[in-house]
């Protein structure tokens, strides 16, 4: 007999840091930072994502991943939090995955 365990992919389940922040209703006029863990061809994905976001939300200020320290071990560091706050980001996109 084969058995499988199904896990909930939602990051809030079992998180010691609590639930995610409330979602923004719209990105128009917002500052969005892009944070990279340097996996999954981030140097190709993030520029494409930035262009799509610019088309959909022309008034959004999108800060590219290259303006932040990169790497999976740094994404939730105090250093990144401070930089995100100093750039007055309303939201961040965190990725990529592998």
PDB file of N, CA and C in Angstrom:
ATOM      1  N   UNK A   1       0.847  -1.176   0.000  1.00  0.00           N
ATOM      2  CA  UNK A   1       0.000   0.000   0.000  1.00  0.00           C
ATOM      3  C   UNK A   1       0.896   1.244   0.000  1.00  0.00           C
ATOM      4  N   UNK A   2       0.540   2.190  -0.831  1.00  0.00           N
ATOM      5  CA  UNK A   2       1.258   3.465  -0.902  1.00  0.00           C
ATOM      6  C   UNK A   2       0.416   4.518  -0.206  1.00  0.00           C
ATOM      7  N   UNK A   3       1.072   5.347   0.576  1.00  0.00           N
ATOM      8  CA  UNK A   3       0.347   6.453   1.204  1.00  0.00           C
ATOM      9  C   UNK A   3       1.045   7.767   0.871  1.00  0.00           C
ATOM     10  N   UNK A   4       0.258   8.809   0.794  1.00  0.00           N
ATOM     11  CA  UNK A   4       0.770  10.142   0.494  1.00  0.00           C
ATOM     12  C   UNK A   4       0.352  11.083   1.602  1.00  0.00           C
ATOM     13  N   UNK A   5       1.205  12.041   1.851  1.00  0.00           N
ATOM     14  CA  UNK A   5       0.849  13.106   2.786  1.00  0.00           C
ATOM     15  C   UNK A   5       0.677  14.372   1.958  1.00  0.00           C
ATOM     16  N   UNK A   6      -0.461  15.026   2.073  1.00  0.00           N
ATOM     17  CA  UNK A   6      -0.743  16.248   1.333  1.00  0.00           C
ATOM     18  C   UNK A   6      -0.520  17.424   2.273  1.00  0.00           C
ATOM     19  N   UNK A   7       0.332  18.351   1.821  1.00  0.00           N
ATOM     20  CA  UNK A   7       0.647  19.521   2.634  1.00  0.00           C
ATOM     21  C   UNK A   7       0.014  20.760   2.029  1.00  0.00           C
ATOM     22  N   UNK A   8      -0.388  21.666   2.877  1.00  0.00           N
ATOM     23  CA  UNK A   8      -0.950  22.934   2.438  1.00  0.00           C
ATOM     24  C   UNK A   8       0.198  23.867   2.053  1.00  0.00           C
ATOM     25  N   UNK A   9       0.260  24.352   0.795  1.00  0.00           N
ATOM     26  CA  UNK A   9       1.375  25.208   0.372  1.00  0.00           C
ATOM     27  C   UNK A   9       1.282  26.645   0.885  1.00  0.00           C
ATOM     28  N   UNK A  10       0.240  26.988   1.587  1.00  0.00           N
ATOM     29  CA  UNK A  10       0.065  28.347   2.107  1.00  0.00           C
ATOM     30  C   UNK A  10       1.136  28.639   3.149  1.00  0.00           C
ATOM     31  N   UNK A  11       1.869  29.704   2.963  1.00  0.00           N
ATOM     32  CA  UNK A  11       2.963  30.051   3.858  1.00  0.00           C
ATOM     33  C   UNK A  11       2.531  30.369   5.280  1.00  0.00           C
ATOM     34  N   UNK A  12       1.296  30.753   5.489  1.00  0.00           N
ATOM     35  CA  UNK A  12       0.845  31.125   6.827  1.00  0.00           C
ATOM     36  C   UNK A  12       0.650  29.912   7.726  1.00  0.00           C
ATOM     37  N   UNK A  13       0.438  28.744   7.145  1.00  0.00           N
ATOM     38  CA  UNK A  13       0.215  27.544   7.946  1.00  0.00           C
ATOM     39  C   UNK A  13       1.521  27.133   8.601  1.00  0.00           C
ATOM     40  N   UNK A  14       1.527  27.043   9.912  1.00  0.00           N
ATOM     41  CA  UNK A  14       2.711  26.635  10.645  1.00  0.00           C
ATOM     42  C   UNK A  14       3.783  27.700  10.720  1.00  0.00           C
ATOM     43  N   UNK A  15       3.489  28.892  10.272  1.00  0.00           N
ATOM     44  CA  UNK A  15       4.467  29.968  10.316  1.00  0.00           C
ATOM     45  C   UNK A  15       4.648  30.466  11.735  1.00  0.00           C
ATOM     46  N   UNK A  16       5.888  30.666  12.126  1.00  0.00           N
ATOM     47  CA  UNK A  16       6.153  31.231  13.454  1.00  0.00           C
ATOM     48  C   UNK A  16       6.130  32.743  13.417  1.00  0.00           C
ATOM     49  N   UNK A  17       6.070  33.318  12.216  1.00  0.00           N
ATOM     50  CA  UNK A  17       6.078  34.771  12.066  1.00  0.00           C
ATOM     51  C   UNK A  17       4.678  35.341  11.877  1.00  0.00           C
ATOM     52  N   UNK A  18       3.675  34.504  11.879  1.00  0.00           N
ATOM     53  CA  UNK A  18       2.309  34.991  11.742  1.00  0.00           C
ATOM     54  C   UNK A  18       1.853  35.037  10.302  1.00  0.00           C
ATOM     55  N   UNK A  19       0.638  35.480  10.103  1.00  0.00           N
ATOM     56  CA  UNK A  19       0.031  35.520   8.773  1.00  0.00           C
ATOM     57  C   UNK A  19       0.635  36.641   7.944  1.00  0.00           C
ATOM     58  N   UNK A  20       0.401  36.552   6.646  1.00  0.00           N
ATOM     59  CA  UNK A  20       0.865  37.584   5.746  1.00  0.00           C
ATOM     60  C   UNK A  20       0.164  38.906   6.013  1.00  0.00           C
ATOM     61  N   UNK A  21       0.788  39.986   5.528  1.00  0.00           N
ATOM     62  CA  UNK A  21       0.160  41.308   5.616  1.00  0.00           C
ATOM     63  C   UNK A  21      -1.067  41.330   4.705  1.00  0.00           C
ATOM     64  N   UNK A  22      -2.016  42.203   4.993  1.00  0.00           N
ATOM     65  CA  UNK A  22      -3.181  42.313   4.106  1.00  0.00           C
ATOM     66  C   UNK A  22      -2.746  42.679   2.687  1.00  0.00           C
ATOM     67  N   UNK A  23      -3.437  42.148   1.702  1.00  0.00           N
ATOM     68  CA  UNK A  23      -3.129  42.421   0.304  1.00  0.00           C
ATOM     69  C   UNK A  23      -3.581  43.823  -0.073  1.00  0.00           C
ATOM     70  N   UNK A  24      -2.823  44.471  -0.958  1.00  0.00           N
ATOM     71  CA  UNK A  24      -3.208  45.779  -1.467  1.00  0.00           C
ATOM     72  C   UNK A  24      -4.322  45.594  -2.491  1.00  0.00           C
ATOM     73  N   UNK A  25      -5.324  46.457  -2.492  1.00  0.00           N
ATOM     74  CA  UNK A  25      -6.404  46.307  -3.462  1.00  0.00           C
ATOM     75  C   UNK A  25      -5.968  46.618  -4.891  1.00  0.00           C
ATOM     76  N   UNK A  26      -4.895  47.408  -5.040  1.00  0.00           N
ATOM     77  CA  UNK A  26      -4.440  47.839  -6.353  1.00  0.00           C
ATOM     78  C   UNK A  26      -2.975  48.260  -6.234  1.00  0.00           C
ATOM     79  N   UNK A  27      -2.206  48.125  -7.288  1.00  0.00           N
ATOM     80  CA  UNK A  27      -0.797  48.523  -7.265  1.00  0.00           C
ATOM     81  C   UNK A  27      -0.558  49.890  -7.903  1.00  0.00           C
ATOM     82  N   UNK A  28      -1.606  50.519  -8.414  1.00  0.00           N
ATOM     83  CA  UNK A  28      -1.467  51.835  -9.033  1.00  0.00           C
ATOM     84  C   UNK A  28      -0.913  52.830  -8.022  1.00  0.00           C
ATOM     85  N   UNK A  29       0.145  53.529  -8.407  1.00  0.00           N
ATOM     86  CA  UNK A  29       0.741  54.547  -7.554  1.00  0.00           C
ATOM     87  C   UNK A  29       1.568  54.010  -6.392  1.00  0.00           C
ATOM     88  N   UNK A  30       1.712  52.714  -6.295  1.00  0.00           N
ATOM     89  CA  UNK A  30       2.443  52.091  -5.184  1.00  0.00           C
ATOM     90  C   UNK A  30       3.905  51.878  -5.569  1.00  0.00           C
ATOM     91  N   UNK A  31       4.757  51.763  -4.553  1.00  0.00           N
ATOM     92  CA  UNK A  31       6.155  51.413  -4.746  1.00  0.00           C
ATOM     93  C   UNK A  31       6.312  49.937  -4.429  1.00  0.00           C
ATOM     94  N   UNK A  32       6.823  49.194  -5.403  1.00  0.00           N
ATOM     95  CA  UNK A  32       6.933  47.743  -5.270  1.00  0.00           C
ATOM     96  C   UNK A  32       8.403  47.352  -5.413  1.00  0.00           C
ATOM     97  N   UNK A  33       8.929  46.701  -4.393  1.00  0.00           N
ATOM     98  CA  UNK A  33      10.294  46.201  -4.446  1.00  0.00           C
ATOM     99  C   UNK A  33      10.301  44.750  -4.888  1.00  0.00           C
ATOM    100  N   UNK A  34      11.342  44.370  -5.599  1.00  0.00           N
ATOM    101  CA  UNK A  34      11.479  42.984  -6.055  1.00  0.00           C
ATOM    102  C   UNK A  34      12.705  42.380  -5.364  1.00  0.00           C
ATOM    103  N   UNK A  35      12.478  41.301  -4.620  1.00  0.00           N
ATOM    104  CA  UNK A  35      13.559  40.643  -3.881  1.00  0.00           C
ATOM    105  C   UNK A  35      13.839  39.277  -4.488  1.00  0.00           C
ATOM    106  N   UNK A  36      15.107  38.984  -4.688  1.00  0.00           N
ATOM    107  CA  UNK A  36      15.485  37.746  -5.365  1.00  0.00           C
ATOM    108  C   UNK A  36      16.289  36.826  -4.462  1.00  0.00           C
ATOM    109  N   UNK A  37      15.995  35.521  -4.576  1.00  0.00           N
ATOM    110  CA  UNK A  37      16.832  34.539  -3.899  1.00  0.00           C
ATOM    111  C   UNK A  37      17.883  33.974  -4.854  1.00  0.00           C
ATOM    112  N   UNK A  38      17.977  34.574  -6.043  1.00  0.00           N
ATOM    113  CA  UNK A  38      18.953  34.227  -7.075  1.00  0.00           C
ATOM    114  C   UNK A  38      18.789  32.813  -7.626  1.00  0.00           C
ATOM    115  N   UNK A  39      17.608  32.275  -7.581  1.00  0.00           N
ATOM    116  CA  UNK A  39      17.339  30.959  -8.147  1.00  0.00           C
ATOM    117  C   UNK A  39      16.336  31.094  -9.281  1.00  0.00           C
ATOM    118  N   UNK A  40      16.223  30.061 -10.086  1.00  0.00           N
ATOM    119  CA  UNK A  40      15.179  30.013 -11.108  1.00  0.00           C
ATOM    120  C   UNK A  40      15.276  31.089 -12.161  1.00  0.00           C
ATOM    121  N   UNK A  41      16.495  31.460 -12.567  1.00  0.00           N
ATOM    122  CA  UNK A  41      16.713  32.457 -13.607  1.00  0.00           C
ATOM    123  C   UNK A  41      16.085  33.805 -13.275  1.00  0.00           C
ATOM    124  N   UNK A  42      16.331  34.269 -12.081  1.00  0.00           N
ATOM    125  CA  UNK A  42      15.773  35.546 -11.625  1.00  0.00           C
ATOM    126  C   UNK A  42      16.138  36.704 -12.540  1.00  0.00           C
ATOM    127  N   UNK A  43      17.340  36.688 -13.117  1.00  0.00           N
ATOM    128  CA  UNK A  43      17.755  37.783 -13.994  1.00  0.00           C
ATOM    129  C   UNK A  43      16.970  37.841 -15.296  1.00  0.00           C
ATOM    130  N   UNK A  44      16.237  36.791 -15.609  1.00  0.00           N
ATOM    131  CA  UNK A  44      15.349  36.802 -16.773  1.00  0.00           C
ATOM    132  C   UNK A  44      13.897  37.038 -16.354  1.00  0.00           C
ATOM    133  N   UNK A  45      13.498  36.428 -15.231  1.00  0.00           N
ATOM    134  CA  UNK A  45      12.096  36.486 -14.803  1.00  0.00           C
ATOM    135  C   UNK A  45      11.711  37.880 -14.296  1.00  0.00           C
ATOM    136  N   UNK A  46      12.549  38.458 -13.422  1.00  0.00           N
ATOM    137  CA  UNK A  46      12.174  39.746 -12.826  1.00  0.00           C
ATOM    138  C   UNK A  46      12.037  40.869 -13.852  1.00  0.00           C
ATOM    139  N   UNK A  47      12.954  41.031 -14.832  1.00  0.00           N
ATOM    140  CA  UNK A  47      12.733  42.073 -15.840  1.00  0.00           C
ATOM    141  C   UNK A  47      11.434  41.868 -16.633  1.00  0.00           C
ATOM    142  N   UNK A  48      11.122  40.620 -16.970  1.00  0.00           N
ATOM    143  CA  UNK A  48       9.870  40.355 -17.681  1.00  0.00           C
ATOM    144  C   UNK A  48       8.663  40.699 -16.813  1.00  0.00           C
ATOM    145  N   UNK A  49       8.731  40.336 -15.543  1.00  0.00           N
ATOM    146  CA  UNK A  49       7.643  40.637 -14.617  1.00  0.00           C
ATOM    147  C   UNK A  49       7.492  42.160 -14.445  1.00  0.00           C
ATOM    148  N   UNK A  50       8.628  42.849 -14.366  1.00  0.00           N
ATOM    149  CA  UNK A  50       8.599  44.307 -14.207  1.00  0.00           C
ATOM    150  C   UNK A  50       7.905  44.959 -15.400  1.00  0.00           C
ATOM    151  N   UNK A  51       8.211  44.500 -16.611  1.00  0.00           N
ATOM    152  CA  UNK A  51       7.572  45.067 -17.802  1.00  0.00           C
ATOM    153  C   UNK A  51       6.065  44.811 -17.825  1.00  0.00           C
ATOM    154  N   UNK A  52       5.664  43.608 -17.443  1.00  0.00           N
ATOM    155  CA  UNK A  52       4.225  43.309 -17.377  1.00  0.00           C
ATOM    156  C   UNK A  52       3.523  44.196 -16.349  1.00  0.00           C
ATOM    157  N   UNK A  53       4.170  44.384 -15.199  1.00  0.00           N
ATOM    158  CA  UNK A  53       3.578  45.245 -14.167  1.00  0.00           C
ATOM    159  C   UNK A  53       3.499  46.695 -14.635  1.00  0.00           C
ATOM    160  N   UNK A  54       4.523  47.160 -15.320  1.00  0.00           N
ATOM    161  CA  UNK A  54       4.515  48.541 -15.833  1.00  0.00           C
ATOM    162  C   UNK A  54       3.376  48.766 -16.821  1.00  0.00           C
ATOM    163  N   UNK A  55       3.106  47.760 -17.647  1.00  0.00           N
ATOM    164  CA  UNK A  55       2.001  47.880 -18.607  1.00  0.00           C
ATOM    165  C   UNK A  55       0.655  47.934 -17.888  1.00  0.00           C
ATOM    166  N   UNK A  56       0.521  47.110 -16.865  1.00  0.00           N
ATOM    167  CA  UNK A  56      -0.765  47.032 -16.163  1.00  0.00           C
ATOM    168  C   UNK A  56      -0.963  48.167 -15.163  1.00  0.00           C
ATOM    169  N   UNK A  57       0.148  48.604 -14.531  1.00  0.00           N
ATOM    170  CA  UNK A  57       0.094  49.663 -13.514  1.00  0.00           C
ATOM    171  C   UNK A  57       1.134  50.728 -13.846  1.00  0.00           C
ATOM    172  N   UNK A  58       0.866  51.574 -14.853  1.00  0.00           N
ATOM    173  CA  UNK A  58       1.869  52.537 -15.305  1.00  0.00           C
ATOM    174  C   UNK A  58       2.299  53.555 -14.247  1.00  0.00           C
ATOM    175  N   UNK A  59       1.501  53.768 -13.229  1.00  0.00           N
ATOM    176  CA  UNK A  59       1.873  54.742 -12.196  1.00  0.00           C
ATOM    177  C   UNK A  59       2.620  54.103 -11.026  1.00  0.00           C
ATOM    178  N   UNK A  60       2.815  52.814 -11.066  1.00  0.00           N
ATOM    179  CA  UNK A  60       3.563  52.136  -9.992  1.00  0.00           C
ATOM    180  C   UNK A  60       5.058  52.395 -10.165  1.00  0.00           C
ATOM    181  N   UNK A  61       5.748  52.513  -9.045  1.00  0.00           N
ATOM    182  CA  UNK A  61       7.202  52.633  -9.025  1.00  0.00           C
ATOM    183  C   UNK A  61       7.744  51.248  -8.676  1.00  0.00           C
ATOM    184  N   UNK A  62       8.388  50.599  -9.628  1.00  0.00           N
ATOM    185  CA  UNK A  62       8.864  49.235  -9.422  1.00  0.00           C
ATOM    186  C   UNK A  62      10.384  49.261  -9.278  1.00  0.00           C
ATOM    187  N   UNK A  63      10.860  48.867  -8.096  1.00  0.00           N
ATOM    188  CA  UNK A  63      12.291  48.858  -7.812  1.00  0.00           C
ATOM    189  C   UNK A  63      12.839  47.480  -8.158  1.00  0.00           C
ATOM    190  N   UNK A  64      13.773  47.393  -9.114  1.00  0.00           N
ATOM    191  CA  UNK A  64      14.260  46.087  -9.561  1.00  0.00           C
ATOM    192  C   UNK A  64      15.035  45.326  -8.489  1.00  0.00           C
ATOM    193  N   UNK A  65      15.086  44.026  -8.657  1.00  0.00           N
ATOM    194  CA  UNK A  65      15.772  43.155  -7.696  1.00  0.00           C
ATOM    195  C   UNK A  65      17.256  43.488  -7.575  1.00  0.00           C
ATOM    196  N   UNK A  66      17.825  44.093  -8.591  1.00  0.00           N
ATOM    197  CA  UNK A  66      19.246  44.430  -8.570  1.00  0.00           C
ATOM    198  C   UNK A  66      19.575  45.566  -7.608  1.00  0.00           C
ATOM    199  N   UNK A  67      18.559  46.257  -7.103  1.00  0.00           N
ATOM    200  CA  UNK A  67      18.784  47.346  -6.153  1.00  0.00           C
ATOM    201  C   UNK A  67      18.711  46.884  -4.698  1.00  0.00           C
ATOM    202  N   UNK A  68      18.568  45.574  -4.499  1.00  0.00           N
ATOM    203  CA  UNK A  68      18.521  45.004  -3.153  1.00  0.00           C
ATOM    204  C   UNK A  68      19.609  43.934  -3.039  1.00  0.00           C
ATOM    205  N   UNK A  69      20.111  43.680  -1.823  1.00  0.00           N
ATOM    206  CA  UNK A  69      20.984  42.512  -1.653  1.00  0.00           C
ATOM    207  C   UNK A  69      20.205  41.267  -2.055  1.00  0.00           C
ATOM    208  N   UNK A  70      20.894  40.300  -2.635  1.00  0.00           N
ATOM    209  CA  UNK A  70      20.220  39.112  -3.147  1.00  0.00           C
ATOM    210  C   UNK A  70      20.708  37.855  -2.455  1.00  0.00           C
ATOM    211  N   UNK A  71      19.868  36.849  -2.479  1.00  0.00           N
ATOM    212  CA  UNK A  71      20.211  35.546  -1.921  1.00  0.00           C
ATOM    213  C   UNK A  71      19.162  35.084  -0.947  1.00  0.00           C
ATOM    214  N   UNK A  72      18.835  33.789  -1.006  1.00  0.00           N
ATOM    215  CA  UNK A  72      17.781  33.214  -0.179  1.00  0.00           C
ATOM    216  C   UNK A  72      17.998  33.363   1.309  1.00  0.00           C
ATOM    217  N   UNK A  73      19.246  33.365   1.744  1.00  0.00           N
ATOM    218  CA  UNK A  73      19.518  33.483   3.173  1.00  0.00           C
ATOM    219  C   UNK A  73      19.409  34.915   3.672  1.00  0.00           C
ATOM    220  N   UNK A  74      19.198  35.867   2.776  1.00  0.00           N
ATOM    221  CA  UNK A  74      19.143  37.267   3.171  1.00  0.00           C
ATOM    222  C   UNK A  74      17.747  37.875   3.050  1.00  0.00           C
ATOM    223  N   UNK A  75      16.831  37.191   2.406  1.00  0.00           N
ATOM    224  CA  UNK A  75      15.537  37.794   2.080  1.00  0.00           C
ATOM    225  C   UNK A  75      14.773  38.265   3.310  1.00  0.00           C
ATOM    226  N   UNK A  76      14.825  37.534   4.405  1.00  0.00           N
ATOM    227  CA  UNK A  76      14.071  37.970   5.589  1.00  0.00           C
ATOM    228  C   UNK A  76      14.991  38.549   6.670  1.00  0.00           C
ATOM    229  N   UNK A  77      16.151  39.053   6.268  1.00  0.00           N
ATOM    230  CA  UNK A  77      17.094  39.615   7.233  1.00  0.00           C
ATOM    231  C   UNK A  77      16.678  41.031   7.643  1.00  0.00           C
ATOM    232  N   UNK A  78      17.183  41.458   8.771  1.00  0.00           N
ATOM    233  CA  UNK A  78      16.915  42.820   9.254  1.00  0.00           C
ATOM    234  C   UNK A  78      17.444  43.847   8.257  1.00  0.00           C
ATOM    235  N   UNK A  79      18.537  43.521   7.591  1.00  0.00           N
ATOM    236  CA  UNK A  79      19.121  44.418   6.588  1.00  0.00           C
ATOM    237  C   UNK A  79      18.128  44.682   5.458  1.00  0.00           C
ATOM    238  N   UNK A  80      17.508  43.631   4.953  1.00  0.00           N
ATOM    239  CA  UNK A  80      16.531  43.782   3.868  1.00  0.00           C
ATOM    240  C   UNK A  80      15.323  44.573   4.337  1.00  0.00           C
ATOM    241  N   UNK A  81      14.845  44.271   5.533  1.00  0.00           N
ATOM    242  CA  UNK A  81      13.691  45.005   6.078  1.00  0.00           C
ATOM    243  C   UNK A  81      14.008  46.497   6.124  1.00  0.00           C
ATOM    244  N   UNK A  82      15.171  46.841   6.589  1.00  0.00           N
ATOM    245  CA  UNK A  82      15.574  48.247   6.683  1.00  0.00           C
ATOM    246  C   UNK A  82      15.644  48.903   5.299  1.00  0.00           C
ATOM    247  N   UNK A  83      16.208  48.189   4.318  1.00  0.00           N
ATOM    248  CA  UNK A  83      16.307  48.741   2.964  1.00  0.00           C
ATOM    249  C   UNK A  83      14.926  48.913   2.346  1.00  0.00           C
ATOM    250  N   UNK A  84      14.058  47.918   2.510  1.00  0.00           N
ATOM    251  CA  UNK A  84      12.688  48.016   1.983  1.00  0.00           C
ATOM    252  C   UNK A  84      11.977  49.216   2.594  1.00  0.00           C
ATOM    253  N   UNK A  85      12.133  49.400   3.891  1.00  0.00           N
ATOM    254  CA  UNK A  85      11.495  50.539   4.555  1.00  0.00           C
ATOM    255  C   UNK A  85      12.098  51.868   4.086  1.00  0.00           C
ATOM    256  N   UNK A  86      13.420  51.906   3.899  1.00  0.00           N
ATOM    257  CA  UNK A  86      14.068  53.147   3.464  1.00  0.00           C
ATOM    258  C   UNK A  86      13.649  53.536   2.048  1.00  0.00           C
ATOM    259  N   UNK A  87      13.311  52.546   1.225  1.00  0.00           N
ATOM    260  CA  UNK A  87      12.856  52.817  -0.139  1.00  0.00           C
ATOM    261  C   UNK A  87      11.341  53.062  -0.187  1.00  0.00           C
ATOM    262  N   UNK A  88      10.715  53.025   0.988  1.00  0.00           N
ATOM    263  CA  UNK A  88       9.275  53.297   1.123  1.00  0.00           C
ATOM    264  C   UNK A  88       8.417  52.370   0.256  1.00  0.00           C
ATOM    265  N   UNK A  89       8.773  51.086   0.265  1.00  0.00           N
ATOM    266  CA  UNK A  89       8.005  50.102  -0.505  1.00  0.00           C
ATOM    267  C   UNK A  89       6.653  49.854   0.153  1.00  0.00           C
ATOM    268  N   UNK A  90       5.612  49.875  -0.657  1.00  0.00           N
ATOM    269  CA  UNK A  90       4.272  49.520  -0.190  1.00  0.00           C
ATOM    270  C   UNK A  90       4.086  48.018  -0.228  1.00  0.00           C
ATOM    271  N   UNK A  91       4.850  47.351  -1.096  1.00  0.00           N
ATOM    272  CA  UNK A  91       4.755  45.907  -1.264  1.00  0.00           C
ATOM    273  C   UNK A  91       6.076  45.391  -1.817  1.00  0.00           C
ATOM    274  N   UNK A  92       6.300  44.100  -1.637  1.00  0.00           N
ATOM    275  CA  UNK A  92       7.467  43.459  -2.254  1.00  0.00           C
ATOM    276  C   UNK A  92       7.020  42.168  -2.935  1.00  0.00           C
ATOM    277  N   UNK A  93       7.729  41.839  -3.995  1.00  0.00           N
ATOM    278  CA  UNK A  93       7.558  40.560  -4.672  1.00  0.00           C
ATOM    279  C   UNK A  93       8.805  39.778  -4.339  1.00  0.00           C
ATOM    280  N   UNK A  94       8.635  38.619  -3.740  1.00  0.00           N
ATOM    281  CA  UNK A  94       9.767  37.799  -3.321  1.00  0.00           C
ATOM    282  C   UNK A  94       9.832  36.566  -4.200  1.00  0.00           C
ATOM    283  N   UNK A  95      10.990  36.271  -4.745  1.00  0.00           N
ATOM    284  CA  UNK A  95      11.134  35.073  -5.567  1.00  0.00           C
ATOM    285  C   UNK A  95      12.575  34.941  -5.981  1.00  0.00           C
ATOM    286  N   UNK A  96      12.875  34.116  -6.706  1.00  0.00           N
ATOM    287  CA  UNK A  96      12.170  33.074  -7.402  1.00  0.00           C
ATOM    288  C   UNK A  96      12.236  31.788  -6.600  1.00  0.00           C
ATOM    289  N   UNK A  97      11.706  30.778  -7.172  1.00  0.00           N
ATOM    290  CA  UNK A  97      11.782  29.464  -6.549  1.00  0.00           C
ATOM    291  C   UNK A  97      12.574  28.547  -7.453  1.00  0.00           C
ATOM    292  N   UNK A  98      12.877  27.405  -6.943  1.00  0.00           N
ATOM    293  CA  UNK A  98      13.541  26.418  -7.754  1.00  0.00           C
ATOM    294  C   UNK A  98      13.044  25.043  -7.385  1.00  0.00           C
TER     295      UNK A  98
END
